[in-house]
């Protein structure tokens, strides 16, 4: 099924669709400029395109004036509460992600940056890195993106970002992941930006999952 059809099946608002398309586009530009060992490119793109489906739970019901969206959100909220990651995995299964792809999806979270940095999986590293390059309004630097996350989530008691020392360590790990990836790329981090990924977004809108 076409990725846009999948997004529409869950009544995802455009801003959430665009976030996942941007993350996949960042992944795509890295893959097109990769000179390291062979990667599972399909897994990276599929995970990137579906990685935040569960974020429907984070969107306030009155934020989107669409009854289909509200009904869909309520259905999942009754089962998952605010645990968007479990819903990410559930929708991933429904939409056909393999066990390997589900492992990448589970491992790419920013709270696991230390594990990702130490991991041998560049599929996980790329998926994690690209997600951490995309802010709500577009592509930014790693430091800008994660400093913003530290501010936005600092008051959430269970968030890793509420602890200054842990947050700093996660940012350091993310910058380390960036260096690991860029050593095998023909581009620099600043070459990944809204302008350079635009053509990839249009192509990815036709992607079949």
Protein backbone atom coordinates (compact mmCIF):
# COMPACT_ATOMS: atom_id res chain seq x y z
CA UNK A 1 0.00 0.00 0.00
CA UNK A 2 1.18 3.53 -0.75
CA UNK A 3 2.55 5.31 2.34
CA UNK A 4 0.16 8.25 1.99
CA UNK A 5 -2.77 5.81 1.85
CA UNK A 6 -1.49 4.26 5.09
CA UNK A 7 -1.25 7.68 6.74
CA UNK A 8 -4.77 8.51 5.60
CA UNK A 9 -6.08 5.16 6.83
CA UNK A 10 -5.16 6.28 10.37
CA UNK A 11 -6.34 9.86 9.73
CA UNK A 12 -2.94 11.27 10.60
CA UNK A 13 -2.73 15.07 10.44
CA UNK A 14 -0.43 16.54 7.81
CA UNK A 15 2.22 17.73 10.27
CA UNK A 16 2.74 14.18 11.57
CA UNK A 17 2.84 12.81 8.02
CA UNK A 18 5.43 15.42 7.07
CA UNK A 19 7.61 14.61 10.07
CA UNK A 20 7.90 10.96 9.01
CA UNK A 21 8.43 11.89 5.37
CA UNK A 22 11.22 14.29 6.36
CA UNK A 23 12.92 11.65 8.52
CA UNK A 24 12.72 9.14 5.66
CA UNK A 25 14.06 11.76 3.25
CA UNK A 26 17.05 12.43 5.54
CA UNK A 27 17.66 8.67 5.60
CA UNK A 28 17.36 8.56 1.80
CA UNK A 29 19.97 11.26 1.20
CA UNK A 30 22.39 9.41 3.50
CA UNK A 31 21.77 6.15 1.64
CA UNK A 32 22.41 7.86 -1.70
CA UNK A 33 25.75 9.13 -0.41
CA UNK A 34 26.83 6.04 1.56
CA UNK A 35 30.24 4.47 0.94
CA UNK A 36 30.34 2.10 3.91
CA UNK A 37 29.39 -1.57 4.18
CA UNK A 38 26.13 -2.83 2.68
CA UNK A 39 22.95 -1.68 4.42
CA UNK A 40 19.38 -2.92 4.46
CA UNK A 41 18.12 0.21 2.70
CA UNK A 42 14.53 -0.99 2.49
CA UNK A 43 14.38 -1.56 6.25
CA UNK A 44 15.74 1.93 6.95
CA UNK A 45 13.16 3.61 4.69
CA UNK A 46 10.24 1.49 5.88
CA UNK A 47 11.02 2.13 9.55
CA UNK A 48 11.57 5.83 8.92
CA UNK A 49 8.25 6.17 7.11
CA UNK A 50 6.29 4.43 9.89
CA UNK A 51 8.28 5.27 13.02
CA UNK A 52 5.88 7.75 14.65
CA UNK A 53 2.46 6.37 13.72
CA UNK A 54 1.67 6.01 17.42
CA UNK A 55 2.10 9.74 17.96
CA UNK A 56 -1.58 10.05 17.23
CA UNK A 57 -1.85 9.54 21.02
CA UNK A 58 0.23 12.67 21.71
CA UNK A 59 -2.03 14.95 19.68
CA UNK A 60 -4.78 16.55 21.79
CA UNK A 61 -8.21 15.48 20.57
CA UNK A 62 -9.35 19.05 20.03
CA UNK A 63 -6.21 19.92 18.06
CA UNK A 64 -7.57 18.35 14.88
CA UNK A 65 -11.10 19.17 13.75
CA UNK A 66 -11.81 15.79 12.19
CA UNK A 67 -14.26 13.29 13.66
CA UNK A 68 -12.55 10.33 11.99
CA UNK A 69 -9.25 11.33 13.59
CA UNK A 70 -10.90 11.72 17.01
CA UNK A 71 -12.62 8.35 16.74
CA UNK A 72 -9.39 6.62 15.70
CA UNK A 73 -7.43 8.33 18.48
CA UNK A 74 -10.01 7.32 21.10
CA UNK A 75 -9.87 3.69 19.96
CA UNK A 76 -6.11 3.50 20.43
CA UNK A 77 -6.08 5.66 23.56
CA UNK A 78 -8.44 3.21 25.30
CA UNK A 79 -5.93 0.42 24.67
CA UNK A 80 -2.56 2.18 24.94
CA UNK A 81 -3.18 5.30 27.02
CA UNK A 82 -0.25 7.62 26.38
CA UNK A 83 2.22 4.85 25.43
CA UNK A 84 2.81 5.90 21.83
CA UNK A 85 5.84 3.61 21.46
CA UNK A 86 3.79 0.45 22.03
CA UNK A 87 1.32 1.73 19.45
CA UNK A 88 4.21 2.45 17.04
CA UNK A 89 5.21 -1.21 17.30
CA UNK A 90 1.62 -2.45 16.99
CA UNK A 91 0.92 -0.42 13.85
CA UNK A 92 4.30 -1.44 12.48
CA UNK A 93 3.26 -5.09 12.81
CA UNK A 94 -0.12 -4.40 11.22
CA UNK A 95 1.51 -2.64 8.27
CA UNK A 96 3.94 -5.48 7.67
CA UNK A 97 7.24 -4.56 9.29
CA UNK A 98 9.47 -7.60 9.72
CA UNK A 99 10.92 -8.68 13.05
CA UNK A 100 14.22 -7.08 12.08
CA UNK A 101 12.46 -3.83 11.19
CA UNK A 102 10.53 -3.87 14.46
CA UNK A 103 13.82 -4.29 16.32
CA UNK A 104 15.18 -1.23 14.49
CA UNK A 105 12.02 0.69 15.36
CA UNK A 106 12.34 -0.27 19.01
CA UNK A 107 16.06 0.47 19.16
CA UNK A 108 16.12 3.87 17.44
CA UNK A 109 14.58 5.85 20.31
CA UNK A 110 16.60 8.77 21.65
CA UNK A 111 16.45 7.35 25.17
CA UNK A 112 18.57 4.47 23.78
CA UNK A 113 21.25 6.73 22.26
CA UNK A 114 24.03 5.17 24.31
CA UNK A 115 23.06 1.67 23.15
CA UNK A 116 22.76 2.93 19.57
CA UNK A 117 26.20 4.55 19.74
CA UNK A 118 27.73 1.27 20.92
CA UNK A 119 25.71 -0.85 18.48
CA UNK A 120 27.10 -2.38 15.29
CA UNK A 121 23.82 -1.72 13.47
CA UNK A 122 24.06 1.23 11.11
CA UNK A 123 20.41 0.69 10.25
CA UNK A 124 19.53 1.65 13.83
CA UNK A 125 22.09 4.47 13.86
CA UNK A 126 20.74 6.06 10.67
CA UNK A 127 17.09 5.77 11.72
CA UNK A 128 17.87 7.26 15.13
CA UNK A 129 20.06 10.02 13.75
CA UNK A 130 17.61 11.13 11.07
CA UNK A 131 14.71 11.25 13.52
CA UNK A 132 16.84 13.41 15.79
CA UNK A 133 17.59 15.82 12.94
CA UNK A 134 13.93 16.64 12.27
CA UNK A 135 12.19 19.24 14.43
CA UNK A 136 8.45 20.00 14.13
CA UNK A 137 9.09 22.63 11.45
CA UNK A 138 11.91 21.01 9.51
CA UNK A 139 15.50 19.79 9.53
CA UNK A 140 17.88 21.26 12.11
CA UNK A 141 21.23 20.32 13.63
CA UNK A 142 21.46 17.52 16.17
CA UNK A 143 22.40 19.90 18.97
CA UNK A 144 19.54 22.30 18.19
CA UNK A 145 17.00 19.48 17.98
CA UNK A 146 17.99 17.78 21.22
CA UNK A 147 18.49 20.98 23.19
CA UNK A 148 14.91 21.80 22.18
CA UNK A 149 13.77 18.34 23.36
CA UNK A 150 15.52 18.93 26.67
CA UNK A 151 13.50 22.12 27.17
CA UNK A 152 10.17 20.69 25.97
CA UNK A 153 10.29 17.52 28.07
CA UNK A 154 12.16 18.71 31.16
CA UNK A 155 8.97 18.90 33.25
CA UNK A 156 7.86 15.36 32.45
CA UNK A 157 8.90 13.36 35.53
CA UNK A 158 9.44 10.07 33.68
CA UNK A 159 11.28 11.63 30.74
CA UNK A 160 15.03 11.06 30.40
CA UNK A 161 15.19 14.71 29.34
CA UNK A 162 14.06 15.85 32.80
CA UNK A 163 17.49 14.88 34.17
CA UNK A 164 20.15 17.40 33.10
CA UNK A 165 23.05 14.94 33.37
CA UNK A 166 21.26 12.18 31.43
CA UNK A 167 20.08 14.65 28.80
CA UNK A 168 23.62 15.92 28.27
CA UNK A 169 24.89 12.36 27.90
CA UNK A 170 22.22 11.52 25.33
CA UNK A 171 23.17 14.57 23.28
CA UNK A 172 26.85 13.58 23.42
CA UNK A 173 25.95 10.06 22.24
CA UNK A 174 23.87 11.49 19.40
CA UNK A 175 26.76 13.66 18.25
CA UNK A 176 28.92 10.53 18.40
CA UNK A 177 26.40 8.67 16.23
CA UNK A 178 26.56 11.53 13.73
CA UNK A 179 30.35 11.16 13.50
CA UNK A 180 30.04 7.38 13.06
CA UNK A 181 27.63 7.83 10.16
CA UNK A 182 29.43 10.70 8.47
CA UNK A 183 32.72 8.81 8.27
CA UNK A 184 31.02 6.65 5.62
CA UNK A 185 29.22 9.46 3.77
CA UNK A 186 30.19 11.70 0.87
CA UNK A 187 28.26 14.57 2.45
CA UNK A 188 28.50 16.62 5.64
CA UNK A 189 25.76 17.06 8.28
CA UNK A 190 24.98 20.57 7.00
CA UNK A 191 24.27 19.11 3.54
CA UNK A 192 21.17 17.48 5.04
CA UNK A 193 18.64 20.31 5.13
CA UNK A 194 15.11 21.20 4.07
CA UNK A 195 16.22 22.21 0.60
CA UNK A 196 18.28 19.09 -0.11
CA UNK A 197 15.60 16.64 1.08
CA UNK A 198 12.68 18.25 -0.79
CA UNK A 199 13.02 16.06 -3.88
CA UNK A 200 13.21 12.94 -1.72
CA UNK A 201 9.96 13.81 0.05
CA UNK A 202 8.09 13.97 -3.26
CA UNK A 203 9.53 10.62 -4.31
CA UNK A 204 8.76 9.00 -0.96
CA UNK A 205 5.10 9.99 -1.20
CA UNK A 206 4.87 7.27 -3.84
CA UNK A 207 6.62 4.64 -1.68
CA UNK A 208 4.89 1.28 -1.40
CA UNK A 209 5.06 -0.38 2.00
